[in-house]
Amino acid sequence: MKASGPLKRSSFGIWHACCGLVHSGPVSSVLALWVVPRVSARVGKRPFMMACYLGWLLMFLTPFVARMAGLMPSGGAPLWGALAAIAVVELLFAYGVHIVLQSMLTDAADAVAVKTGRRLEGVLFATFGLLDKWGIAFGAFGAGLVLALVGFPTKAVPGTVAPEIVNGLALACVPAVAACNMVAMILISRFRIDQTQHARNIAELRRRELENAGLIASADV
């Protein structure tokens, strides 16, 4: 049977909102490429990084808190539209974290070079890659553990899971994610290389390059 007007409009609205949710990633990435360099240069990398962590955490919590408070749409196009809007902002903060983190690793490599006289970018970024893979592995293990603890059914069909299981999943997941996020913010707060220190490091490395090339006299002479 061919769908009538209201049903067709509802289906189109759901499809349109789903497309918005799918395209949240590209939209957020384009925004991040424009916003992140400008804002981080103005406020500093460490404050910006911590603000991104906090912003991402708030956006992550918003759907759960809004649902429990009865403020989230129950379904259909309004729900998907709300999730798409939240996803754009949430991913913007997430991309901000990753962009600035790579820049902070580069700053750390310059600081290590000043202190030790050796370039160790390969070691630093390889270590970061290894830790990132560990994080993914432990994250998958933790997600499976939470699903087992709340008794989430295997091969569950959307819309058929008991509400108490869904609520239990949210109550178990949200504090765990928030705690991990707070630990990350504490670690980032210990990063001490600001713009002034980085400029001094770059100047020192440049001076050493010129000295090694014989373009300036050694300070020891």
C-alpha atoms as a PDB file:
ATOM      1  CA  MET A   1       0.000   0.000   0.000  1.00  0.00           C
ATOM      2  CA  LYS A   2       1.305   3.415  -0.974  1.00  0.00           C
ATOM      3  CA  ALA A   3       2.025   5.752   1.918  1.00  0.00           C
ATOM      4  CA  SER A   4      -0.257   8.732   2.305  1.00  0.00           C
ATOM      5  CA  GLY A   5       0.734  12.365   2.918  1.00  0.00           C
ATOM      6  CA  PRO A   6       1.424  12.495   6.677  1.00  0.00           C
ATOM      7  CA  LEU A   7       3.265   9.165   6.672  1.00  0.00           C
ATOM      8  CA  LYS A   8       5.335  10.178   3.669  1.00  0.00           C
ATOM      9  CA  ARG A   9       6.246  13.480   5.300  1.00  0.00           C
ATOM     10  CA  SER A  10       7.180  11.682   8.526  1.00  0.00           C
ATOM     11  CA  SER A  11       9.328   9.162   6.653  1.00  0.00           C
ATOM     12  CA  PHE A  12      11.048  11.953   4.756  1.00  0.00           C
ATOM     13  CA  GLY A  13      11.694  13.806   8.000  1.00  0.00           C
ATOM     14  CA  ILE A  14      13.275  10.728   9.580  1.00  0.00           C
ATOM     15  CA  TRP A  15      15.387  10.101   6.468  1.00  0.00           C
ATOM     16  CA  HIS A  16      16.490  13.741   6.389  1.00  0.00           C
ATOM     17  CA  ALA A  17      17.434  13.709  10.075  1.00  0.00           C
ATOM     18  CA  CYS A  18      19.315  10.414   9.664  1.00  0.00           C
ATOM     19  CA  CYS A  19      21.301  11.996   6.847  1.00  0.00           C
ATOM     20  CA  GLY A  20      22.081  14.877   9.183  1.00  0.00           C
ATOM     21  CA  LEU A  21      23.386  12.457  11.802  1.00  0.00           C
ATOM     22  CA  VAL A  22      25.527  10.650   9.207  1.00  0.00           C
ATOM     23  CA  HIS A  23      26.968  13.931   7.950  1.00  0.00           C
ATOM     24  CA  SER A  24      27.750  15.227  11.437  1.00  0.00           C
ATOM     25  CA  GLY A  25      31.312  13.937  11.146  1.00  0.00           C
ATOM     26  CA  PRO A  26      32.227  15.783   7.913  1.00  0.00           C
ATOM     27  CA  VAL A  27      30.496  18.964   9.107  1.00  0.00           C
ATOM     28  CA  SER A  28      32.312  18.870  12.434  1.00  0.00           C
ATOM     29  CA  SER A  29      35.675  18.140  10.805  1.00  0.00           C
ATOM     30  CA  VAL A  30      35.376  21.128   8.469  1.00  0.00           C
ATOM     31  CA  LEU A  31      34.395  23.372  11.377  1.00  0.00           C
ATOM     32  CA  ALA A  32      37.269  22.006  13.462  1.00  0.00           C
ATOM     33  CA  LEU A  33      39.827  22.804  10.760  1.00  0.00           C
ATOM     34  CA  TRP A  34      38.734  26.440  10.893  1.00  0.00           C
ATOM     35  CA  VAL A  35      37.962  26.865  14.604  1.00  0.00           C
ATOM     36  CA  VAL A  36      40.645  24.841  16.404  1.00  0.00           C
ATOM     37  CA  PRO A  37      43.832  26.584  15.142  1.00  0.00           C
ATOM     38  CA  ARG A  38      42.413  30.055  15.774  1.00  0.00           C
ATOM     39  CA  VAL A  39      40.990  29.438  19.231  1.00  0.00           C
ATOM     40  CA  SER A  40      43.902  27.324  20.511  1.00  0.00           C
ATOM     41  CA  ALA A  41      46.401  29.951  19.350  1.00  0.00           C
ATOM     42  CA  ARG A  42      44.471  32.624  21.221  1.00  0.00           C
ATOM     43  CA  VAL A  43      43.827  30.844  24.544  1.00  0.00           C
ATOM     44  CA  GLY A  44      46.702  28.347  24.610  1.00  0.00           C
ATOM     45  CA  LYS A  45      46.814  24.639  23.843  1.00  0.00           C
ATOM     46  CA  ARG A  46      46.421  23.290  27.368  1.00  0.00           C
ATOM     47  CA  PRO A  47      43.363  25.420  28.311  1.00  0.00           C
ATOM     48  CA  PHE A  48      41.803  24.711  24.928  1.00  0.00           C
ATOM     49  CA  MET A  49      42.431  20.977  25.294  1.00  0.00           C
ATOM     50  CA  MET A  50      40.812  20.885  28.725  1.00  0.00           C
ATOM     51  CA  ALA A  51      37.858  22.935  27.458  1.00  0.00           C
ATOM     52  CA  CYS A  52      37.401  20.444  24.607  1.00  0.00           C
ATOM     53  CA  TYR A  53      37.433  17.524  27.036  1.00  0.00           C
ATOM     54  CA  LEU A  54      34.863  19.255  29.225  1.00  0.00           C
ATOM     55  CA  GLY A  55      32.712  20.245  26.240  1.00  0.00           C
ATOM     56  CA  TRP A  56      32.787  16.722  24.838  1.00  0.00           C
ATOM     57  CA  LEU A  57      31.806  15.299  28.224  1.00  0.00           C
ATOM     58  CA  LEU A  58      28.845  17.688  28.502  1.00  0.00           C
ATOM     59  CA  MET A  59      27.666  16.818  24.986  1.00  0.00           C
ATOM     60  CA  PHE A  60      28.066  13.117  25.729  1.00  0.00           C
ATOM     61  CA  LEU A  61      25.939  13.436  28.858  1.00  0.00           C
ATOM     62  CA  THR A  62      23.256  15.629  27.261  1.00  0.00           C
ATOM     63  CA  PRO A  63      21.170  12.871  25.565  1.00  0.00           C
ATOM     64  CA  PHE A  64      21.154  10.701  28.692  1.00  0.00           C
ATOM     65  CA  VAL A  65      20.285  13.512  31.076  1.00  0.00           C
ATOM     66  CA  ALA A  66      17.669  14.947  28.705  1.00  0.00           C
ATOM     67  CA  ARG A  67      16.089  11.514  28.280  1.00  0.00           C
ATOM     68  CA  MET A  68      15.868  10.917  32.019  1.00  0.00           C
ATOM     69  CA  ALA A  69      14.454  14.426  32.517  1.00  0.00           C
ATOM     70  CA  GLY A  70      11.837  13.850  29.825  1.00  0.00           C
ATOM     71  CA  LEU A  71      13.251  16.579  27.568  1.00  0.00           C
ATOM     72  CA  MET A  72      14.482  14.379  24.709  1.00  0.00           C
ATOM     73  CA  PRO A  73      12.021  13.655  21.856  1.00  0.00           C
ATOM     74  CA  SER A  74      10.636  10.135  22.086  1.00  0.00           C
ATOM     75  CA  GLY A  75      11.412   9.136  18.514  1.00  0.00           C
ATOM     76  CA  GLY A  76      11.179   9.874  14.830  1.00  0.00           C
ATOM     77  CA  ALA A  77      12.616  12.873  13.032  1.00  0.00           C
ATOM     78  CA  PRO A  78      12.735  15.169  16.128  1.00  0.00           C
ATOM     79  CA  LEU A  79      14.892  12.637  17.984  1.00  0.00           C
ATOM     80  CA  TRP A  80      17.264  12.144  15.077  1.00  0.00           C
ATOM     81  CA  GLY A  81      17.458  15.886  14.523  1.00  0.00           C
ATOM     82  CA  ALA A  82      18.350  16.504  18.172  1.00  0.00           C
ATOM     83  CA  LEU A  83      20.967  13.738  18.099  1.00  0.00           C
ATOM     84  CA  ALA A  84      22.448  15.133  14.871  1.00  0.00           C
ATOM     85  CA  ALA A  85      22.770  18.628  16.382  1.00  0.00           C
ATOM     86  CA  ILE A  86      24.388  17.229  19.532  1.00  0.00           C
ATOM     87  CA  ALA A  87      26.712  15.050  17.437  1.00  0.00           C
ATOM     88  CA  VAL A  88      27.997  18.044  15.450  1.00  0.00           C
ATOM     89  CA  VAL A  89      29.032  19.890  18.618  1.00  0.00           C
ATOM     90  CA  GLU A  90      30.302  16.737  20.337  1.00  0.00           C
ATOM     91  CA  LEU A  91      32.489  15.778  17.382  1.00  0.00           C
ATOM     92  CA  LEU A  92      33.764  19.339  17.081  1.00  0.00           C
ATOM     93  CA  PHE A  93      35.127  19.052  20.620  1.00  0.00           C
ATOM     94  CA  ALA A  94      36.496  15.556  19.904  1.00  0.00           C
ATOM     95  CA  TYR A  95      38.314  16.704  16.764  1.00  0.00           C
ATOM     96  CA  GLY A  96      39.664  19.636  18.737  1.00  0.00           C
ATOM     97  CA  VAL A  97      41.192  17.214  21.230  1.00  0.00           C
ATOM     98  CA  HIS A  98      42.895  15.157  18.525  1.00  0.00           C
ATOM     99  CA  ILE A  99      44.188  18.136  16.534  1.00  0.00           C
ATOM    100  CA  VAL A 100      45.679  19.910  19.545  1.00  0.00           C
ATOM    101  CA  LEU A 101      47.047  16.654  20.971  1.00  0.00           C
ATOM    102  CA  GLN A 102      49.172  16.100  17.851  1.00  0.00           C
ATOM    103  CA  SER A 103      50.454  19.657  18.128  1.00  0.00           C
ATOM    104  CA  MET A 104      51.262  19.187  21.821  1.00  0.00           C
ATOM    105  CA  LEU A 105      53.222  16.028  21.005  1.00  0.00           C
ATOM    106  CA  THR A 106      55.272  18.024  18.503  1.00  0.00           C
ATOM    107  CA  ASP A 107      55.929  20.705  21.138  1.00  0.00           C
ATOM    108  CA  ALA A 108      57.019  17.968  23.551  1.00  0.00           C
ATOM    109  CA  ALA A 109      59.415  16.578  20.923  1.00  0.00           C
ATOM    110  CA  ASP A 110      61.026  20.019  20.598  1.00  0.00           C
ATOM    111  CA  ALA A 111      61.356  20.263  24.379  1.00  0.00           C
ATOM    112  CA  VAL A 112      63.004  16.826  24.513  1.00  0.00           C
ATOM    113  CA  ALA A 113      65.403  17.868  21.741  1.00  0.00           C
ATOM    114  CA  VAL A 114      66.433  20.955  23.727  1.00  0.00           C
ATOM    115  CA  LYS A 115      66.982  18.897  26.865  1.00  0.00           C
ATOM    116  CA  THR A 116      68.733  15.866  25.362  1.00  0.00           C
ATOM    117  CA  GLY A 117      70.100  17.118  22.054  1.00  0.00           C
ATOM    118  CA  ARG A 118      68.338  14.294  20.188  1.00  0.00           C
ATOM    119  CA  ARG A 119      65.264  14.278  17.962  1.00  0.00           C
ATOM    120  CA  LEU A 120      62.840  11.653  19.293  1.00  0.00           C
ATOM    121  CA  GLU A 121      59.660  12.373  17.337  1.00  0.00           C
ATOM    122  CA  GLY A 122      59.530   8.779  16.111  1.00  0.00           C
ATOM    123  CA  VAL A 123      59.685   7.389  19.644  1.00  0.00           C
ATOM    124  CA  LEU A 124      57.061   9.823  20.975  1.00  0.00           C
ATOM    125  CA  PHE A 125      54.549   9.262  18.197  1.00  0.00           C
ATOM    126  CA  ALA A 126      55.127   5.486  18.186  1.00  0.00           C
ATOM    127  CA  THR A 127      54.468   5.448  21.935  1.00  0.00           C
ATOM    128  CA  PHE A 128      51.313   7.482  21.405  1.00  0.00           C
ATOM    129  CA  GLY A 129      50.161   5.052  18.705  1.00  0.00           C
ATOM    130  CA  LEU A 130      50.761   2.088  20.994  1.00  0.00           C
ATOM    131  CA  LEU A 131      48.899   3.693  23.899  1.00  0.00           C
ATOM    132  CA  ASP A 132      46.053   4.604  21.567  1.00  0.00           C
ATOM    133  CA  LYS A 133      45.696   0.968  20.505  1.00  0.00           C
ATOM    134  CA  TRP A 134      45.766  -0.100  24.155  1.00  0.00           C
ATOM    135  CA  GLY A 135      43.013   2.401  24.868  1.00  0.00           C
ATOM    136  CA  ILE A 136      40.876   1.003  22.056  1.00  0.00           C
ATOM    137  CA  ALA A 137      41.427  -2.555  23.278  1.00  0.00           C
ATOM    138  CA  PHE A 138      40.638  -1.776  26.914  1.00  0.00           C
ATOM    139  CA  GLY A 139      37.654   0.308  25.795  1.00  0.00           C
ATOM    140  CA  ALA A 140      36.207  -2.647  23.872  1.00  0.00           C
ATOM    141  CA  PHE A 141      36.815  -4.911  26.855  1.00  0.00           C
ATOM    142  CA  GLY A 142      35.174  -2.409  29.208  1.00  0.00           C
ATOM    143  CA  ALA A 143      32.157  -2.021  26.917  1.00  0.00           C
ATOM    144  CA  GLY A 144      31.658  -5.782  26.809  1.00  0.00           C
ATOM    145  CA  LEU A 145      32.026  -5.981  30.582  1.00  0.00           C
ATOM    146  CA  VAL A 146      29.351  -3.322  31.107  1.00  0.00           C
ATOM    147  CA  LEU A 147      26.975  -5.083  28.712  1.00  0.00           C
ATOM    148  CA  ALA A 148      27.486  -8.327  30.620  1.00  0.00           C
ATOM    149  CA  LEU A 149      26.969  -6.670  33.994  1.00  0.00           C
ATOM    150  CA  VAL A 150      23.637  -5.101  33.005  1.00  0.00           C
ATOM    151  CA  GLY A 151      22.460  -8.321  31.333  1.00  0.00           C
ATOM    152  CA  PHE A 152      22.117  -6.834  27.856  1.00  0.00           C
ATOM    153  CA  PRO A 153      20.678  -9.531  25.556  1.00  0.00           C
ATOM    154  CA  THR A 154      22.692 -10.872  22.637  1.00  0.00           C
ATOM    155  CA  LYS A 155      21.364 -10.191  19.127  1.00  0.00           C
ATOM    156  CA  ALA A 156      18.951  -7.668  20.587  1.00  0.00           C
ATOM    157  CA  VAL A 157      16.401  -6.109  18.249  1.00  0.00           C
ATOM    158  CA  PRO A 158      16.084  -2.299  18.595  1.00  0.00           C
ATOM    159  CA  GLY A 159      12.967  -1.381  20.528  1.00  0.00           C
ATOM    160  CA  THR A 160      12.631  -4.753  22.246  1.00  0.00           C
ATOM    161  CA  VAL A 161      15.153  -4.332  25.078  1.00  0.00           C
ATOM    162  CA  ALA A 162      13.565  -3.902  28.501  1.00  0.00           C
ATOM    163  CA  PRO A 163      13.647  -0.280  29.758  1.00  0.00           C
ATOM    164  CA  GLU A 164      15.326  -1.274  33.019  1.00  0.00           C
ATOM    165  CA  ILE A 165      18.234  -2.792  31.048  1.00  0.00           C
ATOM    166  CA  VAL A 166      18.598   0.355  28.941  1.00  0.00           C
ATOM    167  CA  ASN A 167      18.520   2.518  32.076  1.00  0.00           C
ATOM    168  CA  GLY A 168      21.048   0.247  33.762  1.00  0.00           C
ATOM    169  CA  LEU A 169      23.324   0.526  30.735  1.00  0.00           C
ATOM    170  CA  ALA A 170      23.164   4.328  30.875  1.00  0.00           C
ATOM    171  CA  LEU A 171      23.738   4.409  34.643  1.00  0.00           C
ATOM    172  CA  ALA A 172      26.782   2.147  34.282  1.00  0.00           C
ATOM    173  CA  CYS A 173      28.231   3.751  31.171  1.00  0.00           C
ATOM    174  CA  VAL A 174      27.912   7.453  31.966  1.00  0.00           C
ATOM    175  CA  PRO A 175      29.896   7.471  35.256  1.00  0.00           C
ATOM    176  CA  ALA A 176      32.626   5.276  33.736  1.00  0.00           C
ATOM    177  CA  VAL A 177      33.076   7.561  30.717  1.00  0.00           C
ATOM    178  CA  ALA A 178      32.952  10.666  32.908  1.00  0.00           C
ATOM    179  CA  ALA A 179      35.612   9.231  35.233  1.00  0.00           C
ATOM    180  CA  CYS A 180      37.948   8.411  32.331  1.00  0.00           C
ATOM    181  CA  ASN A 181      37.416  11.892  30.938  1.00  0.00           C
ATOM    182  CA  MET A 182      38.277  13.492  34.284  1.00  0.00           C
ATOM    183  CA  VAL A 183      41.476  11.431  34.501  1.00  0.00           C
ATOM    184  CA  ALA A 184      42.450  12.658  31.027  1.00  0.00           C
ATOM    185  CA  MET A 185      41.817  16.276  32.083  1.00  0.00           C
ATOM    186  CA  ILE A 186      44.035  15.824  35.153  1.00  0.00           C
ATOM    187  CA  LEU A 187      46.851  14.446  33.000  1.00  0.00           C
ATOM    188  CA  ILE A 188      46.525  17.250  30.450  1.00  0.00           C
ATOM    189  CA  SER A 189      46.639  19.843  33.238  1.00  0.00           C
ATOM    190  CA  ARG A 190      50.218  18.727  33.951  1.00  0.00           C
ATOM    191  CA  PHE A 191      51.414  19.766  30.478  1.00  0.00           C
ATOM    192  CA  ARG A 192      53.685  22.762  31.163  1.00  0.00           C
ATOM    193  CA  ILE A 193      54.824  23.862  27.685  1.00  0.00           C
ATOM    194  CA  ASP A 194      53.052  27.123  26.871  1.00  0.00           C
ATOM    195  CA  GLN A 195      53.563  29.417  23.875  1.00  0.00           C
ATOM    196  CA  THR A 196      56.402  31.330  25.537  1.00  0.00           C
ATOM    197  CA  GLN A 197      58.307  28.173  26.480  1.00  0.00           C
ATOM    198  CA  HIS A 198      57.781  26.696  23.020  1.00  0.00           C
ATOM    199  CA  ALA A 199      59.109  29.875  21.380  1.00  0.00           C
ATOM    200  CA  ARG A 200      62.242  29.654  23.547  1.00  0.00           C
ATOM    201  CA  ASN A 201      62.693  25.999  22.579  1.00  0.00           C
ATOM    202  CA  ILE A 202      62.392  26.792  18.878  1.00  0.00           C
ATOM    203  CA  ALA A 203      64.873  29.663  19.207  1.00  0.00           C
ATOM    204  CA  GLU A 204      67.367  27.412  21.001  1.00  0.00           C
ATOM    205  CA  LEU A 205      67.056  24.659  18.393  1.00  0.00           C
ATOM    206  CA  ARG A 206      67.528  27.200  15.633  1.00  0.00           C
ATOM    207  CA  ARG A 207      70.624  28.602  17.368  1.00  0.00           C
ATOM    208  CA  ARG A 208      72.101  25.108  17.627  1.00  0.00           C
ATOM    209  CA  GLU A 209      71.445  24.456  13.931  1.00  0.00           C
ATOM    210  CA  LEU A 210      73.250  27.655  12.962  1.00  0.00           C
ATOM    211  CA  GLU A 211      76.072  26.855  15.359  1.00  0.00           C
ATOM    212  CA  ASN A 212      76.507  23.365  13.910  1.00  0.00           C
ATOM    213  CA  ALA A 213      76.516  24.840  10.412  1.00  0.00           C
ATOM    214  CA  GLY A 214      79.298  27.236  11.429  1.00  0.00           C
ATOM    215  CA  LEU A 215      77.184  30.312  10.783  1.00  0.00           C
ATOM    216  CA  ILE A 216      77.520  31.585  14.353  1.00  0.00           C
ATOM    217  CA  ALA A 217      80.258  31.232  16.926  1.00  0.00           C
ATOM    218  CA  SER A 218      79.893  28.637  19.664  1.00  0.00           C
ATOM    219  CA  ALA A 219      78.907  29.958  23.055  1.00  0.00           C
ATOM    220  CA  ASP A 220      81.795  28.009  24.587  1.00  0.00           C
ATOM    221  CA  VAL A 221      84.444  29.828  22.568  1.00  0.00           C
END
